[in-house]
Amino acid sequence: MTLSCPRCGSDRISIKNLARKTGGTIGTMAGAASGAAGALSGAEFGATAGIVAGPVGSALGSIAGAILGGLIGGAAGCAVGTILGEVVDDTILDNCFCLTCRFRFSKKRF
């Protein structure tokens, strides 16, 4: 389906996705912070799993567990933030911008 401007009929439309980008960024930061807080349990698990290799394995296991906790939290936060931002873009914001007549509009309204 080709999107066209409701004012001038042009098909030169730019989709901004501002809330989606912002939600993804905020979600990533919040998820990484949450993951870093949860990294303590990941570090404990990594240290326990790495104890088989001795003190060096325990240290490396705890570092790897902390990093994985932050990465998983960041990825989950990004996914949630992007989905929420997409809902805001589609229902609240005028997400579409006509490059011909500079009219802003939402897909849902027209």
Protein backbone atom coordinates (compact mmCIF):
# COMPACT_ATOMS: atom_id res chain seq x y z
CA MET A 1 0.00 0.00 0.00
CA THR A 2 1.44 3.33 -1.04
CA LEU A 3 1.00 6.13 1.44
CA SER A 4 -0.07 9.47 -0.03
CA CYS A 5 -0.53 12.93 1.41
CA PRO A 6 -4.19 13.70 2.28
CA ARG A 7 -3.65 17.37 1.40
CA CYS A 8 -1.84 17.30 -1.98
CA GLY A 9 -1.94 13.60 -2.96
CA SER A 10 1.84 13.30 -3.29
CA ASP A 11 3.48 9.96 -2.62
CA ARG A 12 6.73 11.61 -1.46
CA ILE A 13 6.20 10.83 2.23
CA SER A 14 8.79 10.65 4.98
CA ILE A 15 8.07 8.61 8.08
CA LYS A 16 9.69 10.20 11.15
CA ASN A 17 9.34 7.44 13.84
CA LEU A 18 10.52 9.88 16.51
CA ALA A 19 8.78 8.12 19.42
CA ARG A 20 10.02 4.74 18.22
CA LYS A 21 13.65 5.92 18.14
CA THR A 22 13.32 7.72 21.47
CA GLY A 23 11.56 4.77 23.10
CA GLY A 24 14.23 2.40 21.84
CA THR A 25 17.02 4.60 23.21
CA ILE A 26 15.39 5.13 26.60
CA GLY A 27 14.43 1.46 26.80
CA THR A 28 17.99 0.40 26.03
CA MET A 29 19.41 2.64 28.75
CA ALA A 30 16.80 1.54 31.29
CA GLY A 31 17.21 -2.11 30.36
CA ALA A 32 20.99 -1.91 30.56
CA ALA A 33 20.74 -0.25 33.98
CA SER A 34 18.33 -2.93 35.11
CA GLY A 35 20.56 -5.58 33.58
CA ALA A 36 23.57 -4.11 35.34
CA ALA A 37 21.68 -4.28 38.62
CA GLY A 38 20.75 -7.86 37.80
CA ALA A 39 24.32 -8.50 36.74
CA LEU A 40 25.18 -9.27 40.34
CA SER A 41 23.24 -12.51 40.07
CA GLY A 42 24.82 -13.12 36.66
CA ALA A 43 28.24 -12.49 38.13
CA GLU A 44 27.52 -14.90 40.98
CA PHE A 45 26.38 -17.53 38.50
CA GLY A 46 29.44 -16.90 36.30
CA ALA A 47 31.74 -17.16 39.30
CA THR A 48 30.10 -20.41 40.36
CA ALA A 49 30.32 -21.84 36.84
CA GLY A 50 33.91 -20.64 36.44
CA ILE A 51 35.10 -22.12 39.76
CA VAL A 52 35.83 -25.33 37.85
CA ALA A 53 38.77 -23.52 36.20
CA GLY A 54 40.07 -22.09 39.48
CA PRO A 55 40.38 -18.48 40.64
CA VAL A 56 41.05 -17.12 37.14
CA GLY A 57 38.02 -18.95 35.77
CA SER A 58 35.91 -17.63 38.62
CA ALA A 59 36.98 -14.03 37.93
CA LEU A 60 36.44 -14.36 34.18
CA GLY A 61 33.11 -16.09 34.77
CA SER A 62 31.88 -13.28 37.01
CA ILE A 63 32.92 -10.63 34.46
CA ALA A 64 31.25 -12.53 31.62
CA GLY A 65 28.10 -12.99 33.72
CA ALA A 66 27.94 -9.25 34.47
CA ILE A 67 28.42 -8.32 30.81
CA LEU A 68 25.77 -10.78 29.65
CA GLY A 69 23.33 -9.45 32.25
CA GLY A 70 23.78 -5.91 30.95
CA LEU A 71 23.48 -6.94 27.31
CA ILE A 72 20.35 -9.02 27.83
CA GLY A 73 18.73 -6.27 29.89
CA GLY A 74 19.60 -3.67 27.25
CA ALA A 75 18.19 -5.78 24.43
CA ALA A 76 14.96 -6.46 26.30
CA GLY A 77 14.57 -2.78 27.20
CA CYS A 78 15.18 -1.73 23.60
CA ALA A 79 12.52 -4.13 22.32
CA VAL A 80 9.92 -2.91 24.81
CA GLY A 81 10.77 0.76 24.25
CA THR A 82 10.57 0.38 20.48
CA ILE A 83 7.15 -1.30 20.66
CA LEU A 84 5.78 1.40 22.96
CA GLY A 85 7.26 4.12 20.75
CA GLU A 86 5.66 2.56 17.68
CA VAL A 87 2.25 2.67 19.38
CA VAL A 88 2.78 6.36 20.21
CA ASP A 89 3.90 7.09 16.64
CA ASP A 90 0.88 5.35 15.14
CA THR A 91 -1.81 6.68 17.47
CA ILE A 92 -0.74 10.03 18.94
CA LEU A 93 1.92 11.77 16.87
CA ASP A 94 1.70 13.05 13.32
CA ASN A 95 4.37 10.62 12.19
CA CYS A 96 4.17 11.22 8.44
CA PHE A 97 5.61 14.25 6.65
CA CYS A 98 4.83 15.20 3.03
CA LEU A 99 8.02 16.27 1.27
CA THR A 100 6.01 18.18 -1.35
CA CYS A 101 3.65 20.40 0.68
CA ARG A 102 5.28 19.91 4.14
CA PHE A 103 2.01 18.70 5.71
CA ARG A 104 2.28 16.50 8.82
CA PHE A 105 -0.28 13.75 9.32
CA SER A 106 -0.87 10.38 10.91
CA LYS A 107 -1.59 7.16 9.02
CA LYS A 108 -4.44 6.26 11.35
CA ARG A 109 -6.38 9.50 10.91
CA PHE A 110 -6.45 9.55 7.12
